[in-house]
Amino acid sequence: MAGAQITGALGSAFTRFGINLWIYNHTESISLFLVLNIAGALPSVVAAPFASYLLYRVPLRTLILLGNVAVMIGPAAIFLVALTGHHVVELGVATVLLSALVDTFAWPALSAVITLLAAGREEERTRINGWLESGDAASGIAGPVLGAFLYSIGGVPLLCGLDVLTVGVAIVATLIAVPLIPRPVGLARRRVSPVRVLVADARWVFDRPPMRRLLLLFAVCNGFLAVGAAVSTPFFLSFMTPRAFGIVETAGAAGLFVAGISVGALKWPEKPAERILLGWGSIAACLLAVSISVRFTPAIVVIQFVLFASIGFVNIASQGLWQSITPLHRQARVFVVRRMIARSTIPVFLAGAAPISDHIVVPFWRWLYREAASPSLWHSANETVQATLIFGCGLAIAAALIVFAPGLVRSFGRARLDTLNKGMP
């Protein structure tokens, strides 16, 4: 199962790399990169009721397979259009949107399958999460490196064609390796609306104050991290060659890989709240550092490695915490609610980043240049604006940690974790 998903992830890494270069080469637009990231975040919020309903009605393996089939559509369309020599930016946005829509139900289904196959073995489940994270990261390492090479040979058509091929391999491997898992149980077998299913699972989450606090922290931090990540791509491409950008992307994937391997191969320490908070602190520091890197690519490579390693540790710690607490029969659906709330701020923050940049950051720097009559740390107006936004995102995440850290540490002591579900449905 892991091999099948990692194979498909390798092809997706090709497509992501190709779409970034394709769009930047034709537009060089910061706003368009923000739109791409909005398209990647919006489905997890808007489509959550329908994803919850699908997870209530449809077998988990079927959802995983449907997800693999659906994500082939976008790369196949880009492949055909790119062969004609045309570029349709809207098609790239639609591809990202469809992939995110599929992930809304496919990722919770995969998470529930992992819990089911490792039922009663908490340490084993944590290690499986680590191996899957490292495997996905390995595809991310190969994606940009091979993507830069393949892009120089065959451009976007070759990258998207390979994506379609790898997803096809993943479908066949999933059919062979993953058993048919019965429909999830929990709610009575009666006709219910998608919204009612979502509300029932949301109440389960909100009845637990520690989980509410954790979700609020992730909602705030994810929003600022999304803006920082979206702006980082044009920031890097403004002074890097495609090959150098591929190396930076690979360093990030290597960080995820190291995080996953360290969890999968070594015994994972306790205290999940501390792990999550330390991870977010490292993420904030990396955003601050990359914004003042001043075109020094070796430093950016190191920062990108640490940044994504921290993201990997946060993801694994959070995943293990939720899998430990959530009953198996409602786990996939609760994970939809978890993702919906944790990512609810991303579209809003991304949509607000463009006007903030145009009406606040740009006028500020114009005024400063006029008053100080001195050069910037950066080499162009675009770089200055992008670096300022990234720096602000790092500061905002650090501020959120200062606000939430004391309460989360008190709420998630080891003894409290064992009592979260006592006396509750």
Protein backbone atom coordinates (compact mmCIF):
# COMPACT_ATOMS: atom_id res chain seq x y z
CA MET A 1 0.00 0.00 0.00
CA ALA A 2 2.76 2.43 0.92
CA GLY A 3 4.69 1.60 -2.24
CA ALA A 4 1.63 2.23 -4.38
CA GLN A 5 1.00 5.66 -2.89
CA ILE A 6 4.69 6.64 -3.03
CA THR A 7 4.83 5.71 -6.72
CA GLY A 8 1.90 8.00 -7.44
CA ALA A 9 3.47 10.74 -5.31
CA LEU A 10 6.61 10.64 -7.48
CA GLY A 11 4.57 11.47 -10.56
CA SER A 12 2.71 14.20 -8.71
CA ALA A 13 6.07 15.75 -7.76
CA PHE A 14 6.92 15.93 -11.47
CA THR A 15 3.67 17.73 -12.22
CA ARG A 16 4.00 20.21 -9.34
CA PHE A 17 7.52 21.11 -10.44
CA GLY A 18 6.42 21.48 -14.06
CA ILE A 19 3.37 23.61 -13.23
CA ASN A 20 5.48 26.01 -11.12
CA LEU A 21 7.97 26.56 -13.93
CA TRP A 22 5.25 26.64 -16.60
CA ILE A 23 3.29 29.37 -14.84
CA TYR A 24 6.27 31.42 -13.66
CA ASN A 25 7.87 31.45 -17.11
CA HIS A 26 4.69 32.87 -18.65
CA THR A 27 3.46 35.23 -15.91
CA GLU A 28 6.03 35.92 -13.12
CA SER A 29 2.97 36.80 -11.02
CA ILE A 30 2.94 36.60 -7.20
CA SER A 31 -0.85 36.83 -7.19
CA LEU A 32 -1.14 33.79 -9.45
CA PHE A 33 0.97 31.71 -7.08
CA LEU A 34 -1.35 32.79 -4.28
CA VAL A 35 -4.32 31.69 -6.42
CA LEU A 36 -2.65 28.31 -6.95
CA ASN A 37 -2.30 27.86 -3.21
CA ILE A 38 -5.90 28.94 -2.60
CA ALA A 39 -6.97 26.28 -5.11
CA GLY A 40 -4.95 23.76 -3.14
CA ALA A 41 -6.48 24.71 0.21
CA LEU A 42 -10.11 25.58 -0.54
CA PRO A 43 -11.50 22.05 -1.17
CA SER A 44 -10.52 20.81 2.31
CA VAL A 45 -12.93 23.40 3.73
CA VAL A 46 -15.72 23.59 1.14
CA ALA A 47 -15.96 19.89 0.29
CA ALA A 48 -15.66 18.60 3.86
CA PRO A 49 -19.38 17.69 4.27
CA PHE A 50 -19.34 15.59 1.10
CA ALA A 51 -16.01 13.96 2.00
CA SER A 52 -17.39 13.03 5.41
CA TYR A 53 -20.46 11.51 3.76
CA LEU A 54 -18.36 9.49 1.29
CA LEU A 55 -16.27 8.12 4.13
CA TYR A 56 -19.51 7.11 5.85
CA ARG A 57 -20.89 5.27 2.80
CA VAL A 58 -18.04 4.04 0.58
CA PRO A 59 -15.39 1.37 1.35
CA LEU A 60 -12.01 2.88 2.13
CA ARG A 61 -10.04 1.07 -0.59
CA THR A 62 -12.57 2.20 -3.18
CA LEU A 63 -12.03 5.82 -2.16
CA ILE A 64 -8.26 5.45 -2.42
CA LEU A 65 -8.58 4.00 -5.92
CA LEU A 66 -11.06 6.66 -7.02
CA GLY A 67 -8.63 9.28 -5.79
CA ASN A 68 -5.82 7.81 -7.88
CA VAL A 69 -8.00 7.78 -10.99
CA ALA A 70 -9.19 11.36 -10.49
CA VAL A 71 -5.72 12.86 -10.04
CA MET A 72 -4.75 11.54 -13.50
CA ILE A 73 -7.19 13.88 -15.23
CA GLY A 74 -5.33 17.16 -14.72
CA PRO A 75 -1.84 15.99 -15.78
CA ALA A 76 -3.36 14.22 -18.79
CA ALA A 77 -5.08 17.45 -19.88
CA ILE A 78 -1.91 19.53 -19.40
CA PHE A 79 0.04 16.89 -21.35
CA LEU A 80 -2.32 17.20 -24.33
CA VAL A 81 -2.43 21.01 -24.26
CA ALA A 82 1.34 21.36 -23.83
CA LEU A 83 1.93 19.12 -26.84
CA THR A 84 0.23 21.76 -29.00
CA GLY A 85 2.68 24.40 -27.79
CA HIS A 86 0.02 26.41 -25.97
CA HIS A 87 -0.13 27.29 -22.30
CA VAL A 88 -3.38 27.61 -20.38
CA VAL A 89 -2.72 28.95 -16.90
CA GLU A 90 -6.29 28.18 -15.85
CA LEU A 91 -5.63 24.50 -16.56
CA GLY A 92 -2.78 24.48 -14.05
CA VAL A 93 -5.07 26.02 -11.43
CA ALA A 94 -7.79 23.47 -12.24
CA THR A 95 -5.30 20.61 -11.86
CA VAL A 96 -4.26 21.82 -8.41
CA LEU A 97 -7.93 22.28 -7.45
CA LEU A 98 -8.89 18.75 -8.53
CA SER A 99 -5.92 17.19 -6.76
CA ALA A 100 -6.84 18.99 -3.53
CA LEU A 101 -10.48 17.95 -3.89
CA VAL A 102 -9.50 14.30 -4.20
CA ASP A 103 -7.13 14.58 -1.24
CA THR A 104 -10.03 15.76 0.92
CA PHE A 105 -11.39 12.20 1.09
CA ALA A 106 -8.42 10.08 -0.02
CA TRP A 107 -6.06 11.17 2.77
CA PRO A 108 -8.50 10.44 5.65
CA ALA A 109 -9.27 7.08 4.05
CA LEU A 110 -5.57 6.21 3.90
CA SER A 111 -5.05 7.33 7.51
CA ALA A 112 -7.91 5.12 8.69
CA VAL A 113 -6.52 2.15 6.75
CA ILE A 114 -3.17 2.59 8.51
CA THR A 115 -4.87 2.60 11.91
CA LEU A 116 -6.93 -0.47 11.00
CA LEU A 117 -3.96 -2.49 9.77
CA ALA A 118 -1.92 -1.56 12.86
CA ALA A 119 -4.77 -1.85 15.37
CA GLY A 120 -3.54 -2.33 18.95
CA ARG A 121 0.07 -1.52 18.09
CA GLU A 122 0.56 2.17 18.82
CA GLU A 123 4.34 2.18 18.45
CA GLU A 124 4.08 0.27 15.18
CA ARG A 125 1.46 2.71 13.88
CA THR A 126 3.70 5.67 14.70
CA ARG A 127 6.57 4.05 12.84
CA ILE A 128 4.33 3.35 9.84
CA ASN A 129 3.40 7.03 9.77
CA GLY A 130 7.11 7.85 9.79
CA TRP A 131 7.89 5.44 6.96
CA LEU A 132 5.03 6.81 4.85
CA GLU A 133 6.20 10.37 5.49
CA SER A 134 9.75 9.45 4.51
CA GLY A 135 8.57 7.56 1.44
CA ASP A 136 6.47 10.48 0.29
CA ALA A 137 9.44 12.76 0.92
CA ALA A 138 11.71 10.46 -1.08
CA SER A 139 9.45 11.00 -4.08
CA GLY A 140 9.74 14.71 -3.35
CA ILE A 141 13.52 14.42 -3.47
CA ALA A 142 13.49 12.59 -6.78
CA GLY A 143 10.74 14.80 -8.21
CA PRO A 144 12.58 18.15 -8.41
CA VAL A 145 15.97 16.59 -9.27
CA LEU A 146 14.61 14.41 -12.04
CA GLY A 147 12.03 17.07 -12.89
CA ALA A 148 14.69 19.70 -13.65
CA PHE A 149 16.55 17.20 -15.84
CA LEU A 150 13.44 15.94 -17.63
CA TYR A 151 12.12 19.48 -18.08
CA SER A 152 15.29 20.34 -20.01
CA ILE A 153 14.68 17.32 -22.27
CA GLY A 154 10.95 17.25 -22.90
CA GLY A 155 9.41 20.15 -21.00
CA VAL A 156 6.00 19.99 -19.34
CA PRO A 157 4.57 17.25 -21.65
CA LEU A 158 7.21 14.76 -20.51
CA LEU A 159 6.69 15.55 -16.81
CA CYS A 160 2.89 15.24 -16.99
CA GLY A 161 3.08 12.11 -19.12
CA LEU A 162 5.26 10.42 -16.51
CA ASP A 163 2.79 11.52 -13.82
CA VAL A 164 -0.05 9.73 -15.61
CA LEU A 165 2.13 6.61 -15.96
CA THR A 166 3.15 6.49 -12.28
CA VAL A 167 -0.44 6.96 -11.09
CA GLY A 168 -1.45 4.06 -13.33
CA VAL A 169 1.20 1.91 -11.67
CA ALA A 170 -0.10 3.00 -8.25
CA ILE A 171 -3.64 1.94 -9.16
CA VAL A 172 -2.52 -1.54 -10.21
CA ALA A 173 -0.35 -1.94 -7.10
CA THR A 174 -3.20 -0.86 -4.81
CA LEU A 175 -5.56 -3.39 -6.38
CA ILE A 176 -3.02 -6.15 -5.78
CA ALA A 177 -1.69 -5.21 -2.33
CA VAL A 178 -4.58 -3.65 -0.40
CA PRO A 179 -7.45 -5.89 0.77
CA LEU A 180 -11.05 -4.80 0.39
CA ILE A 181 -11.90 -3.19 3.72
CA PRO A 182 -15.56 -3.14 4.80
CA ARG A 183 -17.47 0.10 4.98
CA PRO A 184 -16.76 2.15 8.09
CA VAL A 185 -19.27 1.68 10.87
CA GLY A 186 -20.49 3.95 13.63
CA LEU A 187 -23.59 5.83 12.63
CA ALA A 188 -26.81 3.91 12.11
CA ARG A 189 -27.49 2.74 8.56
CA ARG A 190 -30.15 5.25 7.62
CA ARG A 191 -30.54 8.08 5.18
CA VAL A 192 -28.73 11.13 6.55
CA SER A 193 -27.55 14.35 4.95
CA PRO A 194 -23.84 15.08 4.41
CA VAL A 195 -24.10 18.12 6.69
CA ARG A 196 -25.61 16.03 9.49
CA VAL A 197 -22.74 13.54 9.28
CA LEU A 198 -20.21 16.38 9.42
CA VAL A 199 -21.94 18.04 12.39
CA ALA A 200 -21.98 14.77 14.35
CA ASP A 201 -18.24 14.36 13.92
CA ALA A 202 -17.53 18.05 14.59
CA ARG A 203 -19.36 17.77 17.93
CA TRP A 204 -17.10 14.87 18.87
CA VAL A 205 -14.09 17.14 18.34
CA PHE A 206 -15.49 20.23 20.05
CA ASP A 207 -16.51 18.26 23.13
CA ARG A 208 -12.79 17.95 23.89
CA PRO A 209 -11.26 21.34 24.82
CA PRO A 210 -7.62 20.23 24.34
CA MET A 211 -8.39 19.24 20.75
CA ARG A 212 -10.07 22.59 20.16
CA ARG A 213 -6.96 24.43 21.34
CA LEU A 214 -4.72 22.29 19.17
CA LEU A 215 -6.88 22.88 16.09
CA LEU A 216 -6.92 26.63 16.70
CA LEU A 217 -3.11 26.68 16.89
CA PHE A 218 -2.86 24.74 13.63
CA ALA A 219 -5.45 26.98 11.94
CA VAL A 220 -3.47 30.13 12.74
CA CYS A 221 -0.03 28.69 11.99
CA ASN A 222 -1.12 26.88 8.81
CA GLY A 223 -2.51 30.13 7.41
CA PHE A 224 0.74 32.02 7.85
CA LEU A 225 2.85 29.05 6.73
CA ALA A 226 0.77 28.80 3.53
CA VAL A 227 1.40 32.46 2.70
CA GLY A 228 5.11 32.11 3.42
CA ALA A 229 5.36 28.98 1.27
CA ALA A 230 3.37 30.52 -1.58
CA VAL A 231 5.54 33.63 -1.69
CA SER A 232 8.75 31.61 -1.36
CA THR A 233 8.36 30.06 -4.81
CA PRO A 234 8.45 33.32 -6.82
CA PHE A 235 11.01 34.68 -4.32
CA PHE A 236 13.40 31.84 -5.12
CA LEU A 237 12.68 31.85 -8.86
CA SER A 238 13.40 35.59 -9.03
CA PHE A 239 17.13 34.94 -8.59
CA MET A 240 17.57 31.17 -9.11
CA THR A 241 17.89 29.08 -12.23
CA PRO A 242 15.44 26.16 -12.62
CA ARG A 243 18.29 23.82 -11.69
CA ALA A 244 19.07 25.71 -8.47
CA PHE A 245 15.37 25.86 -7.63
CA GLY A 246 15.22 22.09 -8.09
CA ILE A 247 18.08 21.69 -5.59
CA VAL A 248 16.26 23.86 -3.04
CA GLU A 249 13.05 21.87 -3.51
CA THR A 250 15.03 18.65 -3.12
CA ALA A 251 16.55 19.91 0.13
CA GLY A 252 13.05 20.42 1.50
CA ALA A 253 11.99 16.93 0.49
CA ALA A 254 15.19 15.57 2.07
CA GLY A 255 14.19 17.24 5.33
CA LEU A 256 10.83 15.47 5.25
CA PHE A 257 12.62 12.21 4.44
CA VAL A 258 14.98 12.53 7.41
CA ALA A 259 12.06 13.34 9.72
CA GLY A 260 10.16 10.28 8.56
CA ILE A 261 13.17 7.96 8.73
CA SER A 262 14.08 9.11 12.23
CA VAL A 263 10.57 8.31 13.44
CA GLY A 264 10.26 5.08 11.46
CA ALA A 265 13.63 3.64 12.47
CA LEU A 266 14.06 5.01 15.99
CA LYS A 267 11.88 4.96 19.08
CA TRP A 268 9.73 8.07 19.07
CA PRO A 269 9.82 10.00 22.36
CA GLU A 270 6.68 10.82 24.32
CA LYS A 271 5.12 14.25 25.02
CA PRO A 272 3.39 14.97 21.68
CA ALA A 273 2.45 18.54 22.65
CA GLU A 274 6.09 19.50 23.20
CA ARG A 275 7.08 17.92 19.88
CA ILE A 276 4.41 19.91 18.04
CA LEU A 277 5.32 23.21 19.70
CA LEU A 278 9.06 22.75 19.12
CA GLY A 279 8.37 21.91 15.49
CA TRP A 280 6.33 25.07 14.94
CA GLY A 281 9.02 27.12 16.68
CA SER A 282 11.60 25.77 14.25
CA ILE A 283 9.30 26.55 11.31
CA ALA A 284 8.96 30.17 12.47
CA ALA A 285 12.74 30.52 12.81
CA CYS A 286 13.29 29.12 9.30
CA LEU A 287 10.84 31.58 7.71
CA LEU A 288 12.62 34.46 9.44
CA ALA A 289 16.01 33.16 8.28
CA VAL A 290 15.07 32.56 4.65
CA SER A 291 13.66 36.08 4.31
CA ILE A 292 17.08 37.61 5.05
CA SER A 293 19.17 35.03 3.18
CA VAL A 294 20.11 37.70 0.59
CA ARG A 295 20.43 35.43 -2.46
CA PHE A 296 22.84 33.07 -0.67
CA THR A 297 21.66 29.79 -2.17
CA PRO A 298 23.72 27.42 0.07
CA ALA A 299 22.13 28.98 3.16
CA ILE A 300 18.67 28.68 1.59
CA VAL A 301 19.29 24.98 0.93
CA VAL A 302 20.13 24.37 4.61
CA ILE A 303 17.17 26.43 5.82
CA GLN A 304 14.81 24.61 3.48
CA PHE A 305 16.04 21.27 4.80
CA VAL A 306 15.44 22.28 8.43
CA LEU A 307 12.08 23.86 7.58
CA PHE A 308 10.65 20.76 5.97
CA ALA A 309 12.16 18.44 8.58
CA SER A 310 10.29 20.49 11.18
CA ILE A 311 7.08 20.28 9.14
CA GLY A 312 7.54 16.51 8.97
CA PHE A 313 7.97 16.17 12.73
CA VAL A 314 4.88 18.33 13.35
CA ASN A 315 2.80 16.27 10.90
CA ILE A 316 3.86 12.92 12.37
CA ALA A 317 3.38 14.04 15.97
CA SER A 318 -0.06 15.46 15.22
CA GLN A 319 -1.10 12.40 13.22
CA GLY A 320 -0.07 10.00 15.97
CA LEU A 321 -1.84 12.07 18.60
CA TRP A 322 -5.13 12.08 16.69
CA GLN A 323 -4.90 8.38 15.82
CA SER A 324 -4.36 7.55 19.50
CA ILE A 325 -7.37 9.52 20.68
CA THR A 326 -9.96 9.01 17.92
CA PRO A 327 -12.02 5.78 17.93
CA LEU A 328 -11.44 3.69 14.81
CA HIS A 329 -15.08 3.62 13.73
CA ARG A 330 -15.22 7.40 13.27
CA GLN A 331 -11.55 8.15 12.64
CA ALA A 332 -11.69 8.82 8.88
CA ARG A 333 -14.62 11.21 9.27
CA VAL A 334 -13.13 13.02 12.28
CA PHE A 335 -9.96 13.52 10.25
CA VAL A 336 -12.05 15.37 7.65
CA VAL A 337 -13.24 17.75 10.39
CA ARG A 338 -9.70 18.06 11.71
CA ARG A 339 -8.33 19.02 8.30
CA MET A 340 -11.25 21.34 7.55
CA ILE A 341 -10.70 23.37 10.74
CA ALA A 342 -6.89 23.27 10.68
CA ARG A 343 -6.84 24.57 7.10
CA SER A 344 -9.84 26.88 7.24
CA THR A 345 -7.65 29.99 7.47
CA ILE A 346 -5.44 29.13 4.48
CA PRO A 347 -7.76 30.40 1.69
CA VAL A 348 -8.55 33.54 3.73
CA PHE A 349 -4.92 34.32 4.49
CA LEU A 350 -3.84 33.67 0.91
CA ALA A 351 -6.63 35.84 -0.47
CA GLY A 352 -5.62 38.64 1.91
CA ALA A 353 -1.91 38.43 1.11
CA ALA A 354 -2.21 40.08 -2.32
CA PRO A 355 -4.02 43.27 -1.17
CA ILE A 356 -1.74 43.52 1.88
CA SER A 357 1.24 43.31 -0.46
CA ASP A 358 -0.18 45.85 -2.92
CA HIS A 359 -1.57 48.41 -0.45
CA ILE A 360 0.71 48.13 2.60
CA VAL A 361 4.06 46.42 1.91
CA VAL A 362 4.77 47.98 -1.49
CA PRO A 363 3.88 51.58 -0.43
CA PHE A 364 5.95 51.14 2.74
CA TRP A 365 9.08 50.15 0.86
CA ARG A 366 8.58 52.90 -1.72
CA TRP A 367 8.35 55.43 1.10
CA LEU A 368 11.43 53.97 2.83
CA TYR A 369 13.50 54.06 -0.35
CA ARG A 370 12.47 57.65 -0.94
CA GLU A 371 13.28 58.74 2.63
CA ALA A 372 16.45 56.72 3.19
CA ALA A 373 17.79 56.84 -0.38
CA SER A 374 19.69 53.62 0.33
CA PRO A 375 19.69 50.20 -1.35
CA SER A 376 17.71 47.27 0.02
CA LEU A 377 19.06 43.98 1.29
CA TRP A 378 17.42 42.51 -1.81
CA HIS A 379 18.10 43.23 -5.46
CA SER A 380 14.66 44.22 -6.77
CA ALA A 381 11.32 45.60 -5.62
CA ASN A 382 9.65 42.20 -6.06
CA GLU A 383 12.26 40.46 -3.91
CA THR A 384 11.85 43.09 -1.20
CA VAL A 385 8.07 42.65 -1.04
CA GLN A 386 8.29 38.85 -1.07
CA ALA A 387 10.96 38.75 1.64
CA THR A 388 8.93 41.13 3.83
CA LEU A 389 5.85 38.91 3.58
CA ILE A 390 7.87 35.79 4.46
CA PHE A 391 9.45 37.56 7.46
CA GLY A 392 6.03 38.69 8.68
CA CYS A 393 4.68 35.14 8.48
CA GLY A 394 7.55 33.87 10.63
CA LEU A 395 6.88 36.54 13.26
CA ALA A 396 3.15 35.73 13.29
CA ILE A 397 3.76 32.00 13.89
CA ALA A 398 6.15 32.82 16.74
CA ALA A 399 3.50 35.07 18.31
CA ALA A 400 0.86 32.32 18.03
CA LEU A 401 3.16 29.90 19.86
CA ILE A 402 3.66 32.36 22.70
CA VAL A 403 -0.12 32.62 23.09
CA PHE A 404 -1.02 28.92 22.83
CA ALA A 405 2.00 27.07 24.26
CA PRO A 406 1.22 27.24 28.02
CA GLY A 407 -2.34 25.95 27.68
CA LEU A 408 -1.41 23.14 25.29
CA VAL A 409 1.40 21.84 27.49
CA ARG A 410 -0.99 21.70 30.46
CA SER A 411 -3.77 20.06 28.41
CA PHE A 412 -1.70 17.32 26.81
CA GLY A 413 0.16 15.79 29.70
CA ARG A 414 0.49 12.03 29.33
CA ALA A 415 -2.06 11.30 32.07
CA ARG A 416 -4.61 13.58 30.44
CA LEU A 417 -4.30 11.85 27.06
CA ASP A 418 -5.46 8.59 28.58
CA THR A 419 -8.61 10.21 29.98
CA LEU A 420 -9.79 12.25 26.99
CA ASN A 421 -12.32 9.61 25.92
CA LYS A 422 -13.44 8.29 29.31
CA GLY A 423 -17.17 8.60 29.77
CA MET A 424 -17.60 10.14 26.31
CA PRO A 425 -19.20 8.61 23.18
